Amino acid sequence: MTRHTVSVAKINYALLVIRYFAGCRTLEASSDVCDICGEPGAHHVCKRCGRRVCDLDYDENTGLCRICLETNCEICGKYPAIGYCMVCGRIGCEECLVQISMVAYICKECMRKGMYSLDRE
């Protein structure tokens, strides 16, 4: 099975084309429409992904949009998550997780607590 990745820019362009044919008749993006909820009032730009978002979809403390915030590492809170710990279930970043197989990760905290050992077969 081939995995396809689509950039945010391609998705935004596709949405603009859909809006055009739905009756908007302009291919220019409206700068005040939230990229997450589609409502007017996008006054913030996410510092990680660059989405234009409204007050409800923006976290003032971190400068991140709701989507980036929800996919942030639950262990350190600094970086985007890449997977989850198979012991405690928290999502974590490359710094906080140790890859134990092609698809499985353990967080460094669970390893430190002895909840998993790399010596397992």
PDB file of N, CA and C in Angstrom:
ATOM      1  N   MET A   1       0.846  -1.174   0.000  1.00  0.00           N
ATOM      2  CA  MET A   1       0.000   0.000   0.000  1.00  0.00           C
ATOM      3  C   MET A   1       0.892   1.238   0.000  1.00  0.00           C
ATOM      4  N   THR A   2       0.649   2.152  -0.877  1.00  0.00           N
ATOM      5  CA  THR A   2       1.429   3.378  -0.967  1.00  0.00           C
ATOM      6  C   THR A   2       0.850   4.417  -0.032  1.00  0.00           C
ATOM      7  N   ARG A   3       1.729   5.071   0.692  1.00  0.00           N
ATOM      8  CA  ARG A   3       1.280   6.121   1.610  1.00  0.00           C
ATOM      9  C   ARG A   3       1.459   7.471   0.925  1.00  0.00           C
ATOM     10  N   HIS A   4       0.411   8.274   0.919  1.00  0.00           N
ATOM     11  CA  HIS A   4       0.451   9.583   0.294  1.00  0.00           C
ATOM     12  C   HIS A   4       0.480  10.655   1.370  1.00  0.00           C
ATOM     13  N   THR A   5       1.323  11.638   1.162  1.00  0.00           N
ATOM     14  CA  THR A   5       1.336  12.772   2.079  1.00  0.00           C
ATOM     15  C   THR A   5       0.882  14.000   1.310  1.00  0.00           C
ATOM     16  N   VAL A   6       0.104  14.822   1.962  1.00  0.00           N
ATOM     17  CA  VAL A   6      -0.434  16.027   1.344  1.00  0.00           C
ATOM     18  C   VAL A   6      -0.043  17.213   2.210  1.00  0.00           C
ATOM     19  N   SER A   7       0.533  18.217   1.592  1.00  0.00           N
ATOM     20  CA  SER A   7       0.944  19.394   2.346  1.00  0.00           C
ATOM     21  C   SER A   7      -0.265  20.258   2.690  1.00  0.00           C
ATOM     22  N   VAL A   8      -0.097  21.067   3.724  1.00  0.00           N
ATOM     23  CA  VAL A   8      -1.148  21.999   4.132  1.00  0.00           C
ATOM     24  C   VAL A   8      -1.452  22.960   2.991  1.00  0.00           C
ATOM     25  N   ALA A   9      -0.429  23.366   2.250  1.00  0.00           N
ATOM     26  CA  ALA A   9      -0.630  24.288   1.133  1.00  0.00           C
ATOM     27  C   ALA A   9      -1.540  23.670   0.067  1.00  0.00           C
ATOM     28  N   LYS A  10      -1.356  22.373  -0.225  1.00  0.00           N
ATOM     29  CA  LYS A  10      -2.201  21.706  -1.222  1.00  0.00           C
ATOM     30  C   LYS A  10      -3.641  21.598  -0.735  1.00  0.00           C
ATOM     31  N   ILE A  11      -3.805  21.318   0.550  1.00  0.00           N
ATOM     32  CA  ILE A  11      -5.154  21.236   1.113  1.00  0.00           C
ATOM     33  C   ILE A  11      -5.832  22.596   1.048  1.00  0.00           C
ATOM     34  N   ASN A  12      -5.100  23.657   1.431  1.00  0.00           N
ATOM     35  CA  ASN A  12      -5.665  25.003   1.372  1.00  0.00           C
ATOM     36  C   ASN A  12      -6.047  25.382  -0.051  1.00  0.00           C
ATOM     37  N   TYR A  13      -5.206  25.020  -1.024  1.00  0.00           N
ATOM     38  CA  TYR A  13      -5.516  25.319  -2.420  1.00  0.00           C
ATOM     39  C   TYR A  13      -6.768  24.568  -2.858  1.00  0.00           C
ATOM     40  N   ALA A  14      -6.870  23.299  -2.462  1.00  0.00           N
ATOM     41  CA  ALA A  14      -8.056  22.514  -2.818  1.00  0.00           C
ATOM     42  C   ALA A  14      -9.318  23.142  -2.225  1.00  0.00           C
ATOM     43  N   LEU A  15      -9.225  23.620  -0.991  1.00  0.00           N
ATOM     44  CA  LEU A  15     -10.372  24.282  -0.363  1.00  0.00           C
ATOM     45  C   LEU A  15     -10.748  25.562  -1.106  1.00  0.00           C
ATOM     46  N   LEU A  16      -9.739  26.302  -1.573  1.00  0.00           N
ATOM     47  CA  LEU A  16     -10.017  27.518  -2.339  1.00  0.00           C
ATOM     48  C   LEU A  16     -10.739  27.197  -3.637  1.00  0.00           C
ATOM     49  N   VAL A  17     -10.323  26.114  -4.313  1.00  0.00           N
ATOM     50  CA  VAL A  17     -10.969  25.716  -5.566  1.00  0.00           C
ATOM     51  C   VAL A  17     -12.419  25.303  -5.293  1.00  0.00           C
ATOM     52  N   ILE A  18     -12.637  24.551  -4.209  1.00  0.00           N
ATOM     53  CA  ILE A  18     -13.998  24.142  -3.852  1.00  0.00           C
ATOM     54  C   ILE A  18     -14.860  25.361  -3.568  1.00  0.00           C
ATOM     55  N   ARG A  19     -14.326  26.319  -2.809  1.00  0.00           N
ATOM     56  CA  ARG A  19     -15.081  27.544  -2.516  1.00  0.00           C
ATOM     57  C   ARG A  19     -15.401  28.318  -3.799  1.00  0.00           C
ATOM     58  N   TYR A  20     -14.447  28.328  -4.737  1.00  0.00           N
ATOM     59  CA  TYR A  20     -14.649  29.032  -6.000  1.00  0.00           C
ATOM     60  C   TYR A  20     -15.844  28.446  -6.751  1.00  0.00           C
ATOM     61  N   PHE A  21     -15.866  27.111  -6.879  1.00  0.00           N
ATOM     62  CA  PHE A  21     -16.942  26.480  -7.625  1.00  0.00           C
ATOM     63  C   PHE A  21     -18.248  26.427  -6.839  1.00  0.00           C
ATOM     64  N   ALA A  22     -18.174  26.655  -5.534  1.00  0.00           N
ATOM     65  CA  ALA A  22     -19.396  26.696  -4.724  1.00  0.00           C
ATOM     66  C   ALA A  22     -20.061  28.068  -4.780  1.00  0.00           C
ATOM     67  N   GLY A  23     -19.429  29.019  -5.448  1.00  0.00           N
ATOM     68  CA  GLY A  23     -20.069  30.310  -5.616  1.00  0.00           C
ATOM     69  C   GLY A  23     -19.279  31.497  -5.127  1.00  0.00           C
ATOM     70  N   CYS A  24     -18.149  31.278  -4.517  1.00  0.00           N
ATOM     71  CA  CYS A  24     -17.354  32.390  -4.000  1.00  0.00           C
ATOM     72  C   CYS A  24     -16.749  33.194  -5.145  1.00  0.00           C
ATOM     73  N   ARG A  25     -16.359  32.546  -6.224  1.00  0.00           N
ATOM     74  CA  ARG A  25     -15.831  33.168  -7.441  1.00  0.00           C
ATOM     75  C   ARG A  25     -14.538  33.949  -7.268  1.00  0.00           C
ATOM     76  N   THR A  26     -13.780  33.619  -6.251  1.00  0.00           N
ATOM     77  CA  THR A  26     -12.438  34.189  -6.139  1.00  0.00           C
ATOM     78  C   THR A  26     -11.503  33.107  -5.637  1.00  0.00           C
ATOM     79  N   LEU A  27     -10.307  33.060  -6.185  1.00  0.00           N
ATOM     80  CA  LEU A  27      -9.329  32.069  -5.742  1.00  0.00           C
ATOM     81  C   LEU A  27      -8.363  32.647  -4.722  1.00  0.00           C
ATOM     82  N   GLU A  28      -8.614  33.856  -4.255  1.00  0.00           N
ATOM     83  CA  GLU A  28      -7.761  34.432  -3.220  1.00  0.00           C
ATOM     84  C   GLU A  28      -8.243  33.988  -1.854  1.00  0.00           C
ATOM     85  N   ALA A  29      -7.293  33.637  -1.007  1.00  0.00           N
ATOM     86  CA  ALA A  29      -7.659  33.229   0.348  1.00  0.00           C
ATOM     87  C   ALA A  29      -8.076  34.451   1.151  1.00  0.00           C
ATOM     88  N   SER A  30      -9.114  34.286   1.930  1.00  0.00           N
ATOM     89  CA  SER A  30      -9.537  35.362   2.810  1.00  0.00           C
ATOM     90  C   SER A  30      -8.647  35.330   4.035  1.00  0.00           C
ATOM     91  N   SER A  31      -7.981  36.429   4.328  1.00  0.00           N
ATOM     92  CA  SER A  31      -6.996  36.445   5.402  1.00  0.00           C
ATOM     93  C   SER A  31      -7.617  36.416   6.784  1.00  0.00           C
ATOM     94  N   ASP A  32      -8.917  36.640   6.879  1.00  0.00           N
ATOM     95  CA  ASP A  32      -9.510  36.636   8.215  1.00  0.00           C
ATOM     96  C   ASP A  32     -10.337  35.386   8.502  1.00  0.00           C
ATOM     97  N   VAL A  33     -10.281  34.372   7.626  1.00  0.00           N
ATOM     98  CA  VAL A  33     -11.013  33.135   7.851  1.00  0.00           C
ATOM     99  C   VAL A  33     -10.089  32.117   8.510  1.00  0.00           C
ATOM    100  N   CYS A  34     -10.555  31.523   9.606  1.00  0.00           N
ATOM    101  CA  CYS A  34      -9.769  30.549  10.358  1.00  0.00           C
ATOM    102  C   CYS A  34      -9.516  29.301   9.508  1.00  0.00           C
ATOM    103  N   ASP A  35      -8.268  28.864   9.447  1.00  0.00           N
ATOM    104  CA  ASP A  35      -7.907  27.677   8.668  1.00  0.00           C
ATOM    105  C   ASP A  35      -8.394  26.389   9.324  1.00  0.00           C
ATOM    106  N   ILE A  36      -8.827  26.432  10.558  1.00  0.00           N
ATOM    107  CA  ILE A  36      -9.304  25.230  11.242  1.00  0.00           C
ATOM    108  C   ILE A  36     -10.825  25.128  11.193  1.00  0.00           C
ATOM    109  N   CYS A  37     -11.512  26.155  11.675  1.00  0.00           N
ATOM    110  CA  CYS A  37     -12.979  26.074  11.764  1.00  0.00           C
ATOM    111  C   CYS A  37     -13.699  26.749  10.603  1.00  0.00           C
ATOM    112  N   GLY A  38     -12.991  27.583   9.828  1.00  0.00           N
ATOM    113  CA  GLY A  38     -13.601  28.246   8.686  1.00  0.00           C
ATOM    114  C   GLY A  38     -14.403  29.490   9.028  1.00  0.00           C
ATOM    115  N   GLU A  39     -14.414  29.849  10.284  1.00  0.00           N
ATOM    116  CA  GLU A  39     -15.155  31.037  10.714  1.00  0.00           C
ATOM    117  C   GLU A  39     -14.303  32.293  10.529  1.00  0.00           C
ATOM    118  N   PRO A  40     -14.936  33.450  10.322  1.00  0.00           N
ATOM    119  CA  PRO A  40     -14.176  34.694  10.229  1.00  0.00           C
ATOM    120  C   PRO A  40     -13.542  35.052  11.576  1.00  0.00           C
ATOM    121  N   GLY A  41     -12.488  35.830  11.530  1.00  0.00           N
ATOM    122  CA  GLY A  41     -11.841  36.288  12.761  1.00  0.00           C
ATOM    123  C   GLY A  41     -10.497  35.651  13.024  1.00  0.00           C
ATOM    124  N   ALA A  42      -9.781  35.263  11.965  1.00  0.00           N
ATOM    125  CA  ALA A  42      -8.455  34.667  12.137  1.00  0.00           C
ATOM    126  C   ALA A  42      -7.446  35.787  12.367  1.00  0.00           C
ATOM    127  N   HIS A  43      -7.108  36.025  13.615  1.00  0.00           N
ATOM    128  CA  HIS A  43      -6.200  37.111  13.967  1.00  0.00           C
ATOM    129  C   HIS A  43      -4.840  36.621  14.432  1.00  0.00           C
ATOM    130  N   HIS A  44      -4.631  35.301  14.439  1.00  0.00           N
ATOM    131  CA  HIS A  44      -3.378  34.728  14.933  1.00  0.00           C
ATOM    132  C   HIS A  44      -2.771  33.818  13.879  1.00  0.00           C
ATOM    133  N   VAL A  45      -1.450  33.639  13.944  1.00  0.00           N
ATOM    134  CA  VAL A  45      -0.742  32.707  13.071  1.00  0.00           C
ATOM    135  C   VAL A  45       0.026  31.738  13.969  1.00  0.00           C
ATOM    136  N   CYS A  46      -0.180  30.447  13.763  1.00  0.00           N
ATOM    137  CA  CYS A  46       0.507  29.427  14.548  1.00  0.00           C
ATOM    138  C   CYS A  46       2.003  29.490  14.256  1.00  0.00           C
ATOM    139  N   LYS A  47       2.816  29.512  15.301  1.00  0.00           N
ATOM    140  CA  LYS A  47       4.267  29.624  15.103  1.00  0.00           C
ATOM    141  C   LYS A  47       4.894  28.333  14.590  1.00  0.00           C
ATOM    142  N   ARG A  48       4.182  27.202  14.663  1.00  0.00           N
ATOM    143  CA  ARG A  48       4.734  25.942  14.169  1.00  0.00           C
ATOM    144  C   ARG A  48       4.326  25.666  12.730  1.00  0.00           C
ATOM    145  N   CYS A  49       3.034  25.740  12.430  1.00  0.00           N
ATOM    146  CA  CYS A  49       2.554  25.325  11.104  1.00  0.00           C
ATOM    147  C   CYS A  49       2.176  26.486  10.191  1.00  0.00           C
ATOM    148  N   GLY A  50       1.987  27.681  10.756  1.00  0.00           N
ATOM    149  CA  GLY A  50       1.643  28.841   9.946  1.00  0.00           C
ATOM    150  C   GLY A  50       0.165  29.004   9.639  1.00  0.00           C
ATOM    151  N   ARG A  51      -0.695  28.162  10.224  1.00  0.00           N
ATOM    152  CA  ARG A  51      -2.131  28.331  10.003  1.00  0.00           C
ATOM    153  C   ARG A  51      -2.606  29.673  10.548  1.00  0.00           C
ATOM    154  N   ARG A  52      -3.555  30.276   9.835  1.00  0.00           N
ATOM    155  CA  ARG A  52      -4.241  31.476  10.332  1.00  0.00           C
ATOM    156  C   ARG A  52      -5.443  30.987  11.117  1.00  0.00           C
ATOM    157  N   VAL A  53      -5.531  31.373  12.391  1.00  0.00           N
ATOM    158  CA  VAL A  53      -6.587  30.830  13.243  1.00  0.00           C
ATOM    159  C   VAL A  53      -7.272  31.914  14.070  1.00  0.00           C
ATOM    160  N   CYS A  54      -8.484  31.590  14.522  1.00  0.00           N
ATOM    161  CA  CYS A  54      -9.271  32.497  15.356  1.00  0.00           C
ATOM    162  C   CYS A  54      -8.872  32.339  16.825  1.00  0.00           C
ATOM    163  N   ASP A  55      -9.467  33.158  17.680  1.00  0.00           N
ATOM    164  CA  ASP A  55      -9.167  33.109  19.119  1.00  0.00           C
ATOM    165  C   ASP A  55      -9.459  31.744  19.729  1.00  0.00           C
ATOM    166  N   LEU A  56     -10.546  31.097  19.307  1.00  0.00           N
ATOM    167  CA  LEU A  56     -10.927  29.802  19.876  1.00  0.00           C
ATOM    168  C   LEU A  56      -9.954  28.684  19.499  1.00  0.00           C
ATOM    169  N   ASP A  57      -9.292  28.805  18.356  1.00  0.00           N
ATOM    170  CA  ASP A  57      -8.382  27.765  17.887  1.00  0.00           C
ATOM    171  C   ASP A  57      -6.916  28.125  18.110  1.00  0.00           C
ATOM    172  N   TYR A  58      -6.636  29.059  19.009  1.00  0.00           N
ATOM    173  CA  TYR A  58      -5.269  29.521  19.260  1.00  0.00           C
ATOM    174  C   TYR A  58      -4.993  29.532  20.762  1.00  0.00           C
ATOM    175  N   ASP A  59      -3.808  29.091  21.146  1.00  0.00           N
ATOM    176  CA  ASP A  59      -3.398  29.108  22.545  1.00  0.00           C
ATOM    177  C   ASP A  59      -2.365  30.219  22.731  1.00  0.00           C
ATOM    178  N   GLU A  60      -2.744  31.256  23.459  1.00  0.00           N
ATOM    179  CA  GLU A  60      -1.871  32.412  23.684  1.00  0.00           C
ATOM    180  C   GLU A  60      -0.570  32.042  24.402  1.00  0.00           C
ATOM    181  N   ASN A  61      -0.647  31.094  25.331  1.00  0.00           N
ATOM    182  CA  ASN A  61       0.529  30.725  26.128  1.00  0.00           C
ATOM    183  C   ASN A  61       1.637  30.090  25.297  1.00  0.00           C
ATOM    184  N   THR A  62       1.266  29.254  24.339  1.00  0.00           N
ATOM    185  CA  THR A  62       2.270  28.538  23.545  1.00  0.00           C
ATOM    186  C   THR A  62       2.479  29.146  22.166  1.00  0.00           C
ATOM    187  N   GLY A  63       1.507  29.913  21.669  1.00  0.00           N
ATOM    188  CA  GLY A  63       1.594  30.450  20.317  1.00  0.00           C
ATOM    189  C   GLY A  63       1.263  29.410  19.262  1.00  0.00           C
ATOM    190  N   LEU A  64       0.580  28.324  19.670  1.00  0.00           N
ATOM    191  CA  LEU A  64       0.252  27.233  18.750  1.00  0.00           C
ATOM    192  C   LEU A  64      -1.240  27.181  18.482  1.00  0.00           C
ATOM    193  N   CYS A  65      -1.590  26.677  17.296  1.00  0.00           N
ATOM    194  CA  CYS A  65      -2.995  26.448  16.986  1.00  0.00           C
ATOM    195  C   CYS A  65      -3.462  25.198  17.724  1.00  0.00           C
ATOM    196  N   ARG A  66      -4.759  24.983  17.740  1.00  0.00           N
ATOM    197  CA  ARG A  66      -5.334  23.841  18.458  1.00  0.00           C
ATOM    198  C   ARG A  66      -4.808  22.511  17.938  1.00  0.00           C
ATOM    199  N   ILE A  67      -4.632  22.379  16.632  1.00  0.00           N
ATOM    200  CA  ILE A  67      -4.160  21.121  16.053  1.00  0.00           C
ATOM    201  C   ILE A  67      -2.725  20.833  16.480  1.00  0.00           C
ATOM    202  N   CYS A  68      -1.847  21.828  16.389  1.00  0.00           N
ATOM    203  CA  CYS A  68      -0.453  21.627  16.816  1.00  0.00           C
ATOM    204  C   CYS A  68      -0.382  21.354  18.315  1.00  0.00           C
ATOM    205  N   LEU A  69      -1.210  22.016  19.090  1.00  0.00           N
ATOM    206  CA  LEU A  69      -1.226  21.825  20.537  1.00  0.00           C
ATOM    207  C   LEU A  69      -1.665  20.406  20.893  1.00  0.00           C
ATOM    208  N   GLU A  70      -2.660  19.891  20.193  1.00  0.00           N
ATOM    209  CA  GLU A  70      -3.155  18.540  20.465  1.00  0.00           C
ATOM    210  C   GLU A  70      -2.181  17.459  20.024  1.00  0.00           C
ATOM    211  N   THR A  71      -1.289  17.774  19.102  1.00  0.00           N
ATOM    212  CA  THR A  71      -0.308  16.787  18.645  1.00  0.00           C
ATOM    213  C   THR A  71       1.075  17.059  19.220  1.00  0.00           C
ATOM    214  N   ASN A  72       1.133  17.910  20.223  1.00  0.00           N
ATOM    215  CA  ASN A  72       2.386  18.216  20.907  1.00  0.00           C
ATOM    216  C   ASN A  72       2.758  17.062  21.830  1.00  0.00           C
ATOM    217  N   CYS A  73       4.045  16.884  22.075  1.00  0.00           N
ATOM    218  CA  CYS A  73       4.530  15.851  22.986  1.00  0.00           C
ATOM    219  C   CYS A  73       3.901  16.060  24.371  1.00  0.00           C
ATOM    220  N   GLU A  74       3.286  15.011  24.923  1.00  0.00           N
ATOM    221  CA  GLU A  74       2.668  15.094  26.245  1.00  0.00           C
ATOM    222  C   GLU A  74       3.697  14.948  27.369  1.00  0.00           C
ATOM    223  N   ILE A  75       4.927  14.613  27.020  1.00  0.00           N
ATOM    224  CA  ILE A  75       5.960  14.399  28.030  1.00  0.00           C
ATOM    225  C   ILE A  75       6.743  15.685  28.276  1.00  0.00           C
ATOM    226  N   CYS A  76       7.319  16.260  27.222  1.00  0.00           N
ATOM    227  CA  CYS A  76       8.106  17.489  27.394  1.00  0.00           C
ATOM    228  C   CYS A  76       7.329  18.740  26.986  1.00  0.00           C
ATOM    229  N   GLY A  77       6.357  18.596  26.085  1.00  0.00           N
ATOM    230  CA  GLY A  77       5.551  19.726  25.635  1.00  0.00           C
ATOM    231  C   GLY A  77       6.250  20.663  24.677  1.00  0.00           C
ATOM    232  N   LYS A  78       7.422  20.280  24.165  1.00  0.00           N
ATOM    233  CA  LYS A  78       8.195  21.177  23.310  1.00  0.00           C
ATOM    234  C   LYS A  78       8.083  20.878  21.821  1.00  0.00           C
ATOM    235  N   TYR A  79       7.980  19.620  21.452  1.00  0.00           N
ATOM    236  CA  TYR A  79       8.090  19.217  20.050  1.00  0.00           C
ATOM    237  C   TYR A  79       6.857  18.445  19.599  1.00  0.00           C
ATOM    238  N   PRO A  80       6.664  18.328  18.266  1.00  0.00           N
ATOM    239  CA  PRO A  80       5.546  17.524  17.752  1.00  0.00           C
ATOM    240  C   PRO A  80       5.745  16.045  18.090  1.00  0.00           C
ATOM    241  N   ALA A  81       4.641  15.364  18.372  1.00  0.00           N
ATOM    242  CA  ALA A  81       4.693  13.938  18.696  1.00  0.00           C
ATOM    243  C   ALA A  81       4.913  13.114  17.437  1.00  0.00           C
ATOM    244  N   ILE A  82       5.618  11.985  17.607  1.00  0.00           N
ATOM    245  CA  ILE A  82       5.858  11.062  16.500  1.00  0.00           C
ATOM    246  C   ILE A  82       5.217   9.700  16.738  1.00  0.00           C
ATOM    247  N   GLY A  83       4.786   9.449  17.967  1.00  0.00           N
ATOM    248  CA  GLY A  83       4.191   8.161  18.310  1.00  0.00           C
ATOM    249  C   GLY A  83       3.748   8.194  19.755  1.00  0.00           C
ATOM    250  N   TYR A  84       3.406   7.016  20.283  1.00  0.00           N
ATOM    251  CA  TYR A  84       2.975   6.956  21.674  1.00  0.00           C
ATOM    252  C   TYR A  84       3.697   5.831  22.408  1.00  0.00           C
ATOM    253  N   CYS A  85       3.800   5.976  23.702  1.00  0.00           N
ATOM    254  CA  CYS A  85       4.443   4.977  24.547  1.00  0.00           C
ATOM    255  C   CYS A  85       3.487   3.797  24.696  1.00  0.00           C
ATOM    256  N   MET A  86       3.977   2.579  24.407  1.00  0.00           N
ATOM    257  CA  MET A  86       3.092   1.419  24.502  1.00  0.00           C
ATOM    258  C   MET A  86       2.858   0.984  25.952  1.00  0.00           C
ATOM    259  N   VAL A  87       3.540   1.612  26.918  1.00  0.00           N
ATOM    260  CA  VAL A  87       3.315   1.293  28.330  1.00  0.00           C
ATOM    261  C   VAL A  87       2.309   2.272  28.941  1.00  0.00           C
ATOM    262  N   CYS A  88       2.608   3.578  28.894  1.00  0.00           N
ATOM    263  CA  CYS A  88       1.747   4.566  29.567  1.00  0.00           C
ATOM    264  C   CYS A  88       0.725   5.208  28.628  1.00  0.00           C
ATOM    265  N   GLY A  89       0.916   5.096  27.309  1.00  0.00           N
ATOM    266  CA  GLY A  89      -0.046   5.610  26.346  1.00  0.00           C
ATOM    267  C   GLY A  89       0.097   7.071  25.970  1.00  0.00           C
ATOM    268  N   ARG A  90       1.067   7.780  26.569  1.00  0.00           N
ATOM    269  CA  ARG A  90       1.235   9.197  26.229  1.00  0.00           C
ATOM    270  C   ARG A  90       1.903   9.329  24.865  1.00  0.00           C
ATOM    271  N   ILE A  91       1.510  10.400  24.130  1.00  0.00           N
ATOM    272  CA  ILE A  91       2.177  10.659  22.857  1.00  0.00           C
ATOM    273  C   ILE A  91       3.467  11.418  23.155  1.00  0.00           C
ATOM    274  N   GLY A  92       4.506  11.138  22.361  1.00  0.00           N
ATOM    275  CA  GLY A  92       5.803  11.757  22.624  1.00  0.00           C
ATOM    276  C   GLY A  92       6.578  12.078  21.365  1.00  0.00           C
ATOM    277  N   CYS A  93       7.624  12.871  21.555  1.00  0.00           N
ATOM    278  CA  CYS A  93       8.486  13.320  20.450  1.00  0.00           C
ATOM    279  C   CYS A  93       9.714  12.410  20.341  1.00  0.00           C
ATOM    280  N   GLU A  94      10.565  12.715  19.365  1.00  0.00           N
ATOM    281  CA  GLU A  94      11.791  11.939  19.156  1.00  0.00           C
ATOM    282  C   GLU A  94      12.722  11.980  20.362  1.00  0.00           C
ATOM    283  N   GLU A  95      12.696  13.086  21.108  1.00  0.00           N
ATOM    284  CA  GLU A  95      13.560  13.239  22.275  1.00  0.00           C
ATOM    285  C   GLU A  95      13.095  12.390  23.460  1.00  0.00           C
ATOM    286  N   CYS A  96      11.795  12.190  23.573  1.00  0.00           N
ATOM    287  CA  CYS A  96      11.226  11.536  24.757  1.00  0.00           C
ATOM    288  C   CYS A  96      10.907  10.059  24.558  1.00  0.00           C
ATOM    289  N   LEU A  97      10.876   9.581  23.317  1.00  0.00           N
ATOM    290  CA  LEU A  97      10.551   8.185  23.041  1.00  0.00           C
ATOM    291  C   LEU A  97      11.762   7.416  22.545  1.00  0.00           C
ATOM    292  N   VAL A  98      11.785   6.126  22.847  1.00  0.00           N
ATOM    293  CA  VAL A  98      12.811   5.211  22.332  1.00  0.00           C
ATOM    294  C   VAL A  98      12.085   4.213  21.438  1.00  0.00           C
ATOM    295  N   GLN A  99      12.546   4.082  20.198  1.00  0.00           N
ATOM    296  CA  GLN A  99      11.908   3.153  19.266  1.00  0.00           C
ATOM    297  C   GLN A  99      12.417   1.750  19.558  1.00  0.00           C
ATOM    298  N   ILE A 100      11.498   0.816  19.832  1.00  0.00           N
ATOM    299  CA  ILE A 100      11.899  -0.545  20.179  1.00  0.00           C
ATOM    300  C   ILE A 100      11.627  -1.538  19.058  1.00  0.00           C
ATOM    301  N   SER A 101      10.848  -1.130  18.059  1.00  0.00           N
ATOM    302  CA  SER A 101      10.625  -1.938  16.860  1.00  0.00           C
ATOM    303  C   SER A 101      10.279  -0.973  15.736  1.00  0.00           C
ATOM    304  N   MET A 102       9.925  -1.511  14.592  1.00  0.00           N
ATOM    305  CA  MET A 102       9.582  -0.644  13.468  1.00  0.00           C
ATOM    306  C   MET A 102       8.358   0.228  13.759  1.00  0.00           C
ATOM    307  N   VAL A 103       7.478  -0.227  14.660  1.00  0.00           N
ATOM    308  CA  VAL A 103       6.235   0.494  14.911  1.00  0.00           C
ATOM    309  C   VAL A 103       5.958   0.784  16.383  1.00  0.00           C
ATOM    310  N   ALA A 104       6.854   0.409  17.278  1.00  0.00           N
ATOM    311  CA  ALA A 104       6.575   0.564  18.711  1.00  0.00           C
ATOM    312  C   ALA A 104       7.595   1.465  19.397  1.00  0.00           C
ATOM    313  N   TYR A 105       7.091   2.248  20.361  1.00  0.00           N
ATOM    314  CA  TYR A 105       7.925   3.161  21.134  1.00  0.00           C
ATOM    315  C   TYR A 105       7.643   2.977  22.626  1.00  0.00           C
ATOM    316  N   ILE A 106       8.652   3.310  23.428  1.00  0.00           N
ATOM    317  CA  ILE A 106       8.527   3.369  24.888  1.00  0.00           C
ATOM    318  C   ILE A 106       9.104   4.714  25.301  1.00  0.00           C
ATOM    319  N   CYS A 107       8.422   5.404  26.221  1.00  0.00           N
ATOM    320  CA  CYS A 107       8.976   6.681  26.663  1.00  0.00           C
ATOM    321  C   CYS A 107      10.143   6.431  27.624  1.00  0.00           C
ATOM    322  N   LYS A 108      11.035   7.389  27.674  1.00  0.00           N
ATOM    323  CA  LYS A 108      12.223   7.259  28.516  1.00  0.00           C
ATOM    324  C   LYS A 108      11.864   7.187  29.992  1.00  0.00           C
ATOM    325  N   GLU A 109      10.751   7.815  30.379  1.00  0.00           N
ATOM    326  CA  GLU A 109      10.316   7.756  31.777  1.00  0.00           C
ATOM    327  C   GLU A 109       9.909   6.337  32.166  1.00  0.00           C
ATOM    328  N   CYS A 110       9.165   5.650  31.302  1.00  0.00           N
ATOM    329  CA  CYS A 110       8.764   4.273  31.598  1.00  0.00           C
ATOM    330  C   CYS A 110       9.984   3.355  31.637  1.00  0.00           C
ATOM    331  N   MET A 111      10.941   3.605  30.762  1.00  0.00           N
ATOM    332  CA  MET A 111      12.172   2.800  30.791  1.00  0.00           C
ATOM    333  C   MET A 111      12.949   3.059  32.076  1.00  0.00           C
ATOM    334  N   ARG A 112      13.012   4.328  32.492  1.00  0.00           N
ATOM    335  CA  ARG A 112      13.729   4.696  33.713  1.00  0.00           C
ATOM    336  C   ARG A 112      13.081   4.060  34.949  1.00  0.00           C
ATOM    337  N   LYS A 113      11.758   3.956  34.933  1.00  0.00           N
ATOM    338  CA  LYS A 113      11.024   3.354  36.054  1.00  0.00           C
ATOM    339  C   LYS A 113      11.079   1.826  36.031  1.00  0.00           C
ATOM    340  N   GLY A 114      11.686   1.243  34.982  1.00  0.00           N
ATOM    341  CA  GLY A 114      11.802  -0.205  34.882  1.00  0.00           C
ATOM    342  C   GLY A 114      10.552  -0.884  34.380  1.00  0.00           C
ATOM    343  N   MET A 115       9.646  -0.136  33.756  1.00  0.00           N
ATOM    344  CA  MET A 115       8.404  -0.725  33.271  1.00  0.00           C
ATOM    345  C   MET A 115       8.599  -1.477  31.954  1.00  0.00           C
ATOM    346  N   TYR A 116       9.749  -1.290  31.338  1.00  0.00           N
ATOM    347  CA  TYR A 116      10.079  -2.013  30.103  1.00  0.00           C
ATOM    348  C   TYR A 116      11.594  -2.095  30.013  1.00  0.00           C
ATOM    349  N   SER A 117      12.069  -3.221  29.536  1.00  0.00           N
ATOM    350  CA  SER A 117      13.512  -3.406  29.358  1.00  0.00           C
ATOM    351  C   SER A 117      13.793  -3.755  27.907  1.00  0.00           C
ATOM    352  N   LEU A 118      14.864  -3.227  27.362  1.00  0.00           N
ATOM    353  CA  LEU A 118      15.225  -3.531  25.972  1.00  0.00           C
ATOM    354  C   LEU A 118      15.729  -4.945  25.816  1.00  0.00           C
ATOM    355  N   ASP A 119      15.937  -5.663  26.926  1.00  0.00           N
ATOM    356  CA  ASP A 119      16.431  -7.044  26.883  1.00  0.00           C
ATOM    357  C   ASP A 119      15.337  -8.040  26.573  1.00  0.00           C
ATOM    358  N   ARG A 120      14.073  -7.615  26.505  1.00  0.00           N
ATOM    359  CA  ARG A 120      12.959  -8.503  26.190  1.00  0.00           C
ATOM    360  C   ARG A 120      13.084  -9.040  24.781  1.00  0.00           C
ATOM    361  N   GLU A 121      12.582 -10.243  24.590  1.00  0.00           N
ATOM    362  CA  GLU A 121      12.589 -10.824  23.239  1.00  0.00           C
ATOM    363  C   GLU A 121      11.214 -10.867  22.673  1.00  0.00           C
TER     364      GLU A 121
END
